[in-house]
Amino acid sequence: MANATGLQFTLALAGADDLDLAVVDFTLTETLSAPFELVVNLASRDGDLSPEAFLDRELTLTVWQDGEALRRIHGVATAFGR
């Protein structure tokens, strides 16, 4: 969902194009010479999402503005919670 600034955030899970996920918010922590940490809070109409669907899978968070991808953050899911 885009907001008034034209920003939109999407999360893609490798091999799972059928998931209907909405990015609620996220926190990205980056430092020099260290791995980054990305925490994403999602919303889904599917109440049966399981940790196995996410853990150890490649994910891509894309930051969009006015339909143009500004940044893509690639990583692997290491935790899942409700």
Protein backbone atom coordinates (compact mmCIF):
# COMPACT_ATOMS: atom_id res chain seq x y z
CA MET A 1 0.00 0.00 0.00
CA ALA A 2 1.38 3.41 -0.98
CA ASN A 3 1.22 6.34 1.42
CA ALA A 4 0.90 10.09 0.77
CA THR A 5 4.61 10.37 -0.08
CA GLY A 6 4.30 7.76 -2.81
CA LEU A 7 6.33 5.27 -0.76
CA GLN A 8 5.46 1.60 -0.89
CA PHE A 9 7.21 -1.42 0.61
CA THR A 10 6.89 -4.99 -0.66
CA LEU A 11 8.32 -8.28 0.54
CA ALA A 12 8.96 -11.16 -1.85
CA LEU A 13 9.65 -14.67 -0.62
CA ALA A 14 11.64 -16.89 -2.99
CA GLY A 15 9.45 -19.60 -4.47
CA ALA A 16 6.22 -18.30 -2.92
CA ASP A 17 4.60 -15.90 -5.35
CA ASP A 18 1.11 -16.72 -4.07
CA LEU A 19 1.54 -15.21 -0.58
CA ASP A 20 -0.57 -12.10 -0.06
CA LEU A 21 1.65 -10.12 2.33
CA ALA A 22 1.56 -6.44 3.28
CA VAL A 23 4.55 -4.74 4.90
CA VAL A 24 3.29 -2.91 8.01
CA ASP A 25 6.68 -1.54 9.03
CA PHE A 26 10.34 -2.50 9.17
CA THR A 27 13.59 -1.64 10.92
CA LEU A 28 16.91 -1.91 9.10
CA THR A 29 20.14 -1.77 11.11
CA GLU A 30 23.37 -1.41 9.13
CA THR A 31 26.94 -0.88 10.32
CA LEU A 32 30.30 -1.03 8.60
CA SER A 33 31.99 -4.43 8.45
CA ALA A 34 29.04 -6.25 10.01
CA PRO A 35 25.98 -8.11 8.76
CA PHE A 36 22.78 -6.08 8.56
CA GLU A 37 19.62 -6.87 10.52
CA LEU A 38 16.20 -6.36 8.97
CA VAL A 39 13.05 -6.84 11.06
CA VAL A 40 9.83 -6.76 9.05
CA ASN A 41 6.30 -6.72 10.48
CA LEU A 42 3.82 -8.18 8.01
CA ALA A 43 0.07 -8.47 7.69
CA SER A 44 -1.67 -11.32 5.90
CA ARG A 45 -5.22 -12.50 5.38
CA ASP A 46 -3.88 -16.05 5.70
CA GLY A 47 -4.02 -17.00 9.38
CA ASP A 48 -2.24 -20.30 8.67
CA LEU A 49 1.20 -18.93 7.81
CA SER A 50 3.83 -21.18 9.31
CA PRO A 51 7.43 -20.50 10.29
CA GLU A 52 8.52 -23.22 7.85
CA ALA A 53 7.19 -21.11 4.98
CA PHE A 54 9.71 -18.37 5.84
CA LEU A 55 12.70 -19.73 7.76
CA ASP A 56 15.92 -20.21 5.79
CA ARG A 57 14.26 -18.79 2.67
CA GLU A 58 15.55 -15.91 0.59
CA LEU A 59 13.58 -12.68 1.00
CA THR A 60 13.68 -9.35 -0.79
CA LEU A 61 12.30 -6.14 0.70
CA THR A 62 11.79 -3.52 -2.01
CA VAL A 63 11.33 0.18 -1.29
CA TRP A 64 9.29 1.91 -4.00
CA GLN A 65 8.48 5.56 -4.61
CA ASP A 66 5.91 6.51 -7.23
CA GLY A 67 6.25 3.09 -8.86
CA GLU A 68 10.06 3.16 -9.09
CA ALA A 69 12.19 0.73 -7.08
CA LEU A 70 14.59 2.82 -4.98
CA ARG A 71 16.25 0.02 -3.03
CA ARG A 72 16.18 -3.75 -2.71
CA ILE A 73 17.39 -5.51 0.42
CA HIS A 74 18.13 -9.21 0.01
CA GLY A 75 18.54 -11.62 2.89
CA VAL A 76 17.56 -14.91 4.49
CA ALA A 77 14.83 -15.26 7.11
CA THR A 78 16.32 -16.41 10.42
CA ALA A 79 13.35 -15.83 12.75
CA PHE A 80 9.56 -15.88 12.58
CA GLY A 81 7.07 -14.79 15.20
CA ARG A 82 3.44 -13.89 15.61
